[in-house]
C-alpha atoms as a PDB file:
ATOM      1  CA  MET A   1       0.000   0.000   0.000  1.00  0.00           C
ATOM      2  CA  VAL A   2       1.278   3.455  -0.811  1.00  0.00           C
ATOM      3  CA  GLU A   3       0.368   5.981   1.861  1.00  0.00           C
ATOM      4  CA  HIS A   4       1.157   9.673   2.226  1.00  0.00           C
ATOM      5  CA  ASP A   5      -0.979  10.503   5.274  1.00  0.00           C
ATOM      6  CA  MET A   6       1.662  10.757   8.009  1.00  0.00           C
ATOM      7  CA  GLN A   7      -0.795   9.801  10.773  1.00  0.00           C
ATOM      8  CA  VAL A   8      -1.462   6.506   8.984  1.00  0.00           C
ATOM      9  CA  VAL A   9       2.247   5.981   8.313  1.00  0.00           C
ATOM     10  CA  ILE A  10       3.239   6.669  11.927  1.00  0.00           C
ATOM     11  CA  SER A  11       0.601   4.271  13.274  1.00  0.00           C
ATOM     12  CA  SER A  12       1.729   1.452  10.964  1.00  0.00           C
ATOM     13  CA  ASP A  13       3.526  -1.594  12.376  1.00  0.00           C
ATOM     14  CA  TRP A  14       6.113  -1.684   9.570  1.00  0.00           C
ATOM     15  CA  ILE A  15       7.122   0.988   7.061  1.00  0.00           C
ATOM     16  CA  ILE A  16       9.093   0.610   3.854  1.00  0.00           C
ATOM     17  CA  ASP A  17      10.249   3.980   2.495  1.00  0.00           C
ATOM     18  CA  ILE A  18      10.991   3.681  -1.208  1.00  0.00           C
ATOM     19  CA  GLY A  19      12.275   7.226  -1.429  1.00  0.00           C
ATOM     20  CA  LEU A  20      12.473   9.415  -4.498  1.00  0.00           C
ATOM     21  CA  GLY A  21      12.047   8.018  -7.967  1.00  0.00           C
ATOM     22  CA  ALA A  22       9.539   5.336  -7.065  1.00  0.00           C
ATOM     23  CA  GLY A  23       7.121   3.887  -9.592  1.00  0.00           C
ATOM     24  CA  ASP A  24       8.201   4.104 -13.223  1.00  0.00           C
ATOM     25  CA  GLU A  25      11.600   5.490 -12.216  1.00  0.00           C
ATOM     26  CA  GLY A  26      12.370   2.447 -10.068  1.00  0.00           C
ATOM     27  CA  GLY A  27      13.202   3.883  -6.680  1.00  0.00           C
ATOM     28  CA  LYS A  28      14.987   1.972  -3.946  1.00  0.00           C
ATOM     29  CA  ILE A  29      14.375   1.184  -0.307  1.00  0.00           C
ATOM     30  CA  VAL A  30      15.959   3.952   1.755  1.00  0.00           C
ATOM     31  CA  ALA A  31      14.526   2.940   5.149  1.00  0.00           C
ATOM     32  CA  GLN A  32      12.397   0.220   6.666  1.00  0.00           C
ATOM     33  CA  GLY A  33      11.243  -0.788  10.096  1.00  0.00           C
ATOM     34  CA  SER A  34       8.999   0.529  12.832  1.00  0.00           C
ATOM     35  CA  SER A  35       7.939   4.163  12.769  1.00  0.00           C
ATOM     36  CA  GLU A  36      10.603   4.884  15.394  1.00  0.00           C
ATOM     37  CA  GLN A  37      13.327   3.303  13.248  1.00  0.00           C
ATOM     38  CA  VAL A  38      12.279   5.102  10.069  1.00  0.00           C
ATOM     39  CA  ALA A  39      11.977   8.427  11.932  1.00  0.00           C
ATOM     40  CA  GLN A  40      15.614   8.082  13.050  1.00  0.00           C
ATOM     41  CA  SER A  41      16.949   7.306   9.580  1.00  0.00           C
ATOM     42  CA  GLU A  42      19.305   9.966   8.273  1.00  0.00           C
ATOM     43  CA  ILE A  43      18.985   9.151   4.571  1.00  0.00           C
ATOM     44  CA  ASN A  44      15.250   9.416   3.954  1.00  0.00           C
ATOM     45  CA  ARG A  45      13.109  12.494   3.528  1.00  0.00           C
ATOM     46  CA  THR A  46      10.133  10.954   5.310  1.00  0.00           C
ATOM     47  CA  ALA A  47      11.759  11.215   8.751  1.00  0.00           C
ATOM     48  CA  ARG A  48      11.374  15.001   8.968  1.00  0.00           C
ATOM     49  CA  PHE A  49       7.607  14.658   8.487  1.00  0.00           C
ATOM     50  CA  MET A  50       7.397  12.038  11.243  1.00  0.00           C
ATOM     51  CA  GLY A  51       8.445  14.436  13.988  1.00  0.00           C
ATOM     52  CA  SER A  52      12.034  13.198  14.295  1.00  0.00           C
END
């Protein structure tokens, strides 16, 4: 499932952040884990929207 609502993302058990260039451009996994783990990642852009 692709989700952009941060409240849904934060409440998820497991998150896989595909990062920029997803879809037709391929993309790659830049972070995965619990919301706490993804929020602490230094290489993804999602973390700043998760209140890290």
